[in-house]
Amino acid sequence: MKKTILILLTFLGTTIAKAQNWGGGIDEQDFNWGFSFQYISSEYKIVKKPDWRTPFSDYEQNGRIITDRLMSISSPSSVGFGIGFVLNYRLNNNLDLRSTPTLVFSDRLVDYKYETPAIYNTAFSEKQQKVQATLVDFPLGIKVKSDRRKDFRAYFLLGAKYSIDLASGKKSKDAEFALIDKLLKNKKGFASYEAGIGFDLYFEYFKMSPEIKVSQSFRDVLKHENHPYATPIEKAILRNFTFSLFFE
């Protein structure tokens, strides 16, 4: 009988240990790391200048009108992706300090519509600018977690990040272009705030966390230059909607 009880206790202890280790025992670690994949939808919130409709001209150089009168400026959403790391420090059972440095490949679009076709060396009445960006994001946030229920835990995230555009430091590709062919560009660095919600799903050896997050830059992210596409814009605030999968 004693031998049977000992076997049962050993089996029970092993079972409990395995249960506590479900998810790789990650909740018992003060520090853990992982990696992430992100799907990103980006757009600008555009604030136009009071005289944004005015035709653009280069009177000071050649005395010519470059574009006709503007009807609208808008920024449709465009998609991108990111890959990164997860660095997580456990403060207590319901709070984590979290950073997810990420390399992001995401273009932004700006559409221009004119009353009539532009009258200088072109025949378009619509023009789309693609702002190409390769960013490195350095976020820092607080993850607020619910109590764990079996293999599930919900959370929300609040934080901020600083982004560096690796492409903006390169020599301008449009230096020799005519004014009508100039490109919109990003500032090299800018800060944003972000908030998100997600779920921790526990598997035998790891934890997976699907997350939805929105972020918005604190200030203007556009590099202002003297050409038909930057001049009408007072400021452009960058907004991102991100779906992420984290593996820890």
Protein backbone atom coordinates (compact mmCIF):
# COMPACT_ATOMS: atom_id res chain seq x y z
CA MET A 1 0.00 0.00 0.00
CA LYS A 2 2.78 2.44 0.93
CA LYS A 3 4.47 1.70 -2.38
CA THR A 4 1.23 2.35 -4.26
CA ILE A 5 0.71 5.67 -2.42
CA LEU A 6 4.31 6.68 -3.17
CA ILE A 7 3.79 5.91 -6.87
CA LEU A 8 0.55 7.91 -6.89
CA LEU A 9 2.19 10.87 -5.15
CA THR A 10 5.10 10.79 -7.62
CA PHE A 11 2.69 10.70 -10.55
CA LEU A 12 0.62 13.55 -9.07
CA GLY A 13 3.74 15.65 -8.45
CA THR A 14 4.93 15.08 -12.00
CA THR A 15 1.51 16.03 -13.37
CA ILE A 16 1.41 19.24 -11.31
CA ALA A 17 4.94 20.14 -12.40
CA LYS A 18 3.98 19.66 -16.03
CA ALA A 19 0.85 21.76 -15.56
CA GLN A 20 2.88 24.56 -14.00
CA ASN A 21 5.31 24.33 -16.89
CA TRP A 22 2.53 24.62 -19.51
CA GLY A 23 3.67 27.46 -21.77
CA GLY A 24 7.27 26.63 -21.01
CA GLY A 25 6.91 27.96 -17.46
CA ILE A 26 7.15 31.46 -18.86
CA ASP A 27 4.96 33.08 -16.20
CA GLU A 28 7.47 32.09 -13.52
CA GLN A 29 10.39 33.84 -15.25
CA ASP A 30 11.34 37.42 -14.41
CA PHE A 31 12.74 37.97 -17.89
CA ASN A 32 11.89 36.27 -21.16
CA TRP A 33 12.30 36.94 -24.86
CA GLY A 34 10.72 35.94 -28.15
CA PHE A 35 10.02 37.12 -31.67
CA SER A 36 7.15 38.66 -33.61
CA PHE A 37 5.55 38.98 -37.02
CA GLN A 38 3.45 42.05 -37.84
CA TYR A 39 0.92 43.05 -40.49
CA ILE A 40 0.67 46.85 -40.68
CA SER A 41 -1.83 49.26 -42.25
CA SER A 42 -0.52 52.84 -42.48
CA GLU A 43 -2.02 56.20 -43.38
CA TYR A 44 -1.43 59.90 -42.85
CA LYS A 45 -3.80 62.24 -41.06
CA ILE A 46 -3.21 65.27 -43.30
CA VAL A 47 -3.68 68.86 -42.15
CA LYS A 48 -3.73 71.19 -45.15
CA LYS A 49 -2.54 74.80 -45.31
CA PRO A 50 -5.20 77.55 -45.63
CA ASP A 51 -4.15 78.19 -49.26
CA TRP A 52 -3.62 74.53 -50.16
CA ARG A 53 -5.77 74.78 -53.32
CA THR A 54 -3.53 77.45 -54.89
CA PRO A 55 -1.75 76.30 -58.09
CA PHE A 56 1.94 75.66 -57.53
CA SER A 57 4.32 77.84 -59.54
CA ASP A 58 8.04 78.50 -59.83
CA TYR A 59 7.71 82.20 -60.67
CA GLU A 60 10.95 82.99 -58.85
CA GLN A 61 12.91 80.69 -61.19
CA ASN A 62 11.11 80.43 -64.52
CA GLY A 63 7.78 82.19 -64.10
CA ARG A 64 5.74 79.06 -64.81
CA ILE A 65 2.63 77.48 -63.27
CA ILE A 66 3.42 73.84 -62.47
CA THR A 67 0.03 72.46 -61.43
CA ASP A 68 -3.57 73.52 -61.64
CA ARG A 69 -5.84 74.19 -58.66
CA LEU A 70 -6.14 71.30 -56.19
CA MET A 71 -9.49 69.66 -55.43
CA SER A 72 -8.39 67.23 -52.71
CA ILE A 73 -5.46 65.69 -50.85
CA SER A 74 -6.03 62.34 -49.14
CA SER A 75 -4.08 59.41 -47.75
CA PRO A 76 -5.49 55.92 -48.45
CA SER A 77 -4.30 53.10 -46.24
CA SER A 78 -1.40 50.95 -47.43
CA VAL A 79 -0.07 47.69 -46.06
CA GLY A 80 3.35 46.62 -44.84
CA PHE A 81 4.97 44.07 -42.56
CA GLY A 82 7.44 43.90 -39.73
CA ILE A 83 9.65 41.36 -37.96
CA GLY A 84 11.11 41.85 -34.53
CA PHE A 85 12.03 40.66 -31.06
CA VAL A 86 10.19 40.61 -27.74
CA LEU A 87 11.94 41.62 -24.51
CA ASN A 88 9.67 41.18 -21.51
CA TYR A 89 10.34 41.87 -17.81
CA ARG A 90 7.82 40.62 -15.27
CA LEU A 91 7.00 43.25 -12.62
CA ASN A 92 4.31 41.19 -10.89
CA ASN A 93 1.60 38.70 -11.79
CA ASN A 94 -0.43 41.31 -13.67
CA LEU A 95 2.17 43.81 -14.94
CA ASP A 96 5.03 43.47 -17.42
CA LEU A 97 7.51 45.99 -18.75
CA ARG A 98 7.78 45.25 -22.45
CA SER A 99 9.84 46.25 -25.47
CA THR A 100 9.41 44.92 -29.01
CA PRO A 101 12.13 46.36 -31.30
CA THR A 102 10.97 45.83 -34.88
CA LEU A 103 12.18 46.29 -38.43
CA VAL A 104 9.23 47.64 -40.44
CA PHE A 105 8.78 47.77 -44.22
CA SER A 106 5.81 50.02 -44.91
CA ASP A 107 5.00 52.54 -47.67
CA ARG A 108 2.53 55.43 -47.27
CA LEU A 109 0.33 56.87 -50.00
CA VAL A 110 -0.89 60.41 -50.67
CA ASP A 111 -3.40 61.14 -53.45
CA TYR A 112 -3.75 64.53 -55.17
CA LYS A 113 -6.68 65.50 -57.39
CA TYR A 114 -6.68 68.61 -59.58
CA GLU A 115 -9.55 70.55 -61.12
CA THR A 116 -8.08 70.09 -64.62
CA PRO A 117 -4.96 68.33 -65.87
CA ALA A 118 -1.69 69.89 -64.78
CA ILE A 119 -0.52 72.25 -67.49
CA TYR A 120 3.26 71.84 -67.36
CA ASN A 121 4.87 68.94 -69.24
CA THR A 122 2.20 66.44 -68.18
CA ALA A 123 -1.44 65.55 -68.67
CA PHE A 124 -2.56 64.12 -65.34
CA SER A 125 -5.50 65.31 -63.24
CA GLU A 126 -4.61 62.88 -60.43
CA LYS A 127 -1.25 62.10 -58.86
CA GLN A 128 -0.27 59.55 -56.23
CA GLN A 129 2.85 59.89 -54.13
CA LYS A 130 4.35 56.80 -52.51
CA VAL A 131 6.47 57.59 -49.46
CA GLN A 132 8.84 54.63 -49.09
CA ALA A 133 10.03 53.83 -45.59
CA THR A 134 12.17 51.25 -43.84
CA LEU A 135 11.80 51.88 -40.12
CA VAL A 136 13.37 50.57 -36.96
CA ASP A 137 10.87 50.92 -34.10
CA PHE A 138 11.98 51.05 -30.46
CA PRO A 139 8.82 50.72 -28.32
CA LEU A 140 8.51 50.64 -24.54
CA GLY A 141 5.22 49.89 -22.83
CA ILE A 142 3.37 48.50 -19.86
CA LYS A 143 1.44 45.29 -20.38
CA VAL A 144 -1.53 44.97 -17.99
CA LYS A 145 -2.66 41.33 -17.75
CA SER A 146 -5.76 39.64 -16.38
CA ASP A 147 -5.45 36.61 -14.12
CA ARG A 148 -4.71 33.46 -16.04
CA ARG A 149 -7.64 31.14 -16.77
CA LYS A 150 -6.23 27.74 -17.71
CA ASP A 151 -4.44 28.38 -21.01
CA PHE A 152 -5.79 31.90 -21.63
CA ARG A 153 -5.03 35.41 -20.42
CA ALA A 154 -6.22 38.78 -21.80
CA TYR A 155 -4.22 42.00 -21.64
CA PHE A 156 -4.00 45.58 -22.81
CA LEU A 157 -0.88 47.58 -23.61
CA LEU A 158 -0.01 51.28 -23.27
CA GLY A 159 3.28 52.83 -24.32
CA ALA A 160 5.34 54.93 -26.70
CA LYS A 161 7.97 54.31 -29.35
CA TYR A 162 10.69 56.10 -31.26
CA SER A 163 11.08 55.31 -34.96
CA ILE A 164 14.12 55.83 -37.18
CA ASP A 165 13.66 55.86 -40.95
CA LEU A 166 16.71 54.16 -42.45
CA ALA A 167 15.81 55.33 -45.97
CA SER A 168 15.62 59.05 -45.12
CA GLY A 169 19.37 59.29 -44.47
CA LYS A 170 20.25 58.28 -48.02
CA LYS A 171 21.06 60.78 -50.74
CA SER A 172 17.88 62.16 -52.27
CA LYS A 173 16.76 60.25 -55.36
CA ASP A 174 14.96 63.27 -56.79
CA ALA A 175 17.72 65.89 -56.56
CA GLU A 176 17.87 66.28 -60.35
CA PHE A 177 14.13 65.80 -60.97
CA ALA A 178 11.83 68.50 -62.33
CA LEU A 179 9.48 70.01 -59.74
CA ILE A 180 6.50 68.07 -61.10
CA ASP A 181 8.38 64.78 -60.45
CA LYS A 182 9.61 65.48 -56.91
CA LEU A 183 8.94 62.98 -54.10
CA LEU A 184 7.44 63.25 -50.64
CA LYS A 185 9.79 62.18 -47.84
CA ASN A 186 9.69 61.25 -44.15
CA LYS A 187 11.61 62.85 -41.34
CA LYS A 188 14.49 60.71 -40.12
CA GLY A 189 13.14 60.20 -36.59
CA PHE A 190 9.85 60.70 -34.76
CA ALA A 191 7.98 59.55 -31.65
CA SER A 192 4.53 57.97 -31.37
CA TYR A 193 2.14 56.78 -28.69
CA GLU A 194 0.43 53.41 -28.94
CA ALA A 195 -2.26 51.27 -27.32
CA GLY A 196 -3.34 47.72 -27.94
CA ILE A 197 -5.23 44.66 -26.73
CA GLY A 198 -4.33 41.00 -27.01
CA PHE A 199 -4.50 37.48 -25.63
CA ASP A 200 -1.86 35.14 -24.25
CA LEU A 201 -2.49 31.56 -25.41
CA TYR A 202 -0.40 28.91 -23.65
CA PHE A 203 0.95 25.82 -25.37
CA GLU A 204 3.20 23.11 -23.97
CA TYR A 205 6.55 24.75 -24.64
CA PHE A 206 5.72 28.35 -25.65
CA LYS A 207 3.19 31.16 -25.48
CA MET A 208 1.54 32.78 -28.52
CA SER A 209 -0.06 36.23 -28.31
CA PRO A 210 -2.23 37.69 -31.09
CA GLU A 211 -2.44 41.47 -30.63
CA ILE A 212 -4.15 44.45 -32.27
CA LYS A 213 -2.53 47.83 -31.76
CA VAL A 214 -3.00 51.42 -32.94
CA SER A 215 -0.25 54.04 -32.90
CA GLN A 216 -0.07 57.70 -33.88
CA SER A 217 2.88 60.06 -34.14
CA PHE A 218 2.97 62.95 -31.67
CA ARG A 219 3.98 65.43 -34.37
CA ASP A 220 4.39 65.97 -38.09
CA VAL A 221 6.48 63.28 -39.81
CA LEU A 222 6.74 64.91 -43.24
CA LYS A 223 9.95 66.49 -44.54
CA HIS A 224 8.82 69.86 -45.93
CA GLU A 225 10.37 70.91 -49.23
CA ASN A 226 9.50 73.40 -51.93
CA HIS A 227 7.63 71.33 -54.52
CA PRO A 228 3.97 70.79 -55.54
CA TYR A 229 3.35 67.86 -53.19
CA ALA A 230 4.85 69.02 -49.89
CA THR A 231 3.95 72.73 -50.10
CA PRO A 232 0.12 72.37 -49.67
CA ILE A 233 0.49 70.23 -46.51
CA GLU A 234 0.74 71.88 -43.09
CA LYS A 235 1.52 68.60 -41.33
CA ALA A 236 1.09 64.86 -41.75
CA ILE A 237 0.46 62.71 -38.67
CA LEU A 238 1.29 59.03 -39.16
CA ARG A 239 -1.25 56.43 -37.99
CA ASN A 240 -0.60 52.69 -37.95
CA PHE A 241 -2.98 49.80 -37.30
CA THR A 242 -0.99 46.67 -36.50
CA PHE A 243 -1.90 43.01 -36.11
CA SER A 244 0.91 41.06 -34.46
CA LEU A 245 1.70 37.48 -33.51
CA PHE A 246 4.19 37.15 -30.66
CA PHE A 247 5.93 33.89 -29.77
CA GLU A 248 7.66 33.68 -26.38
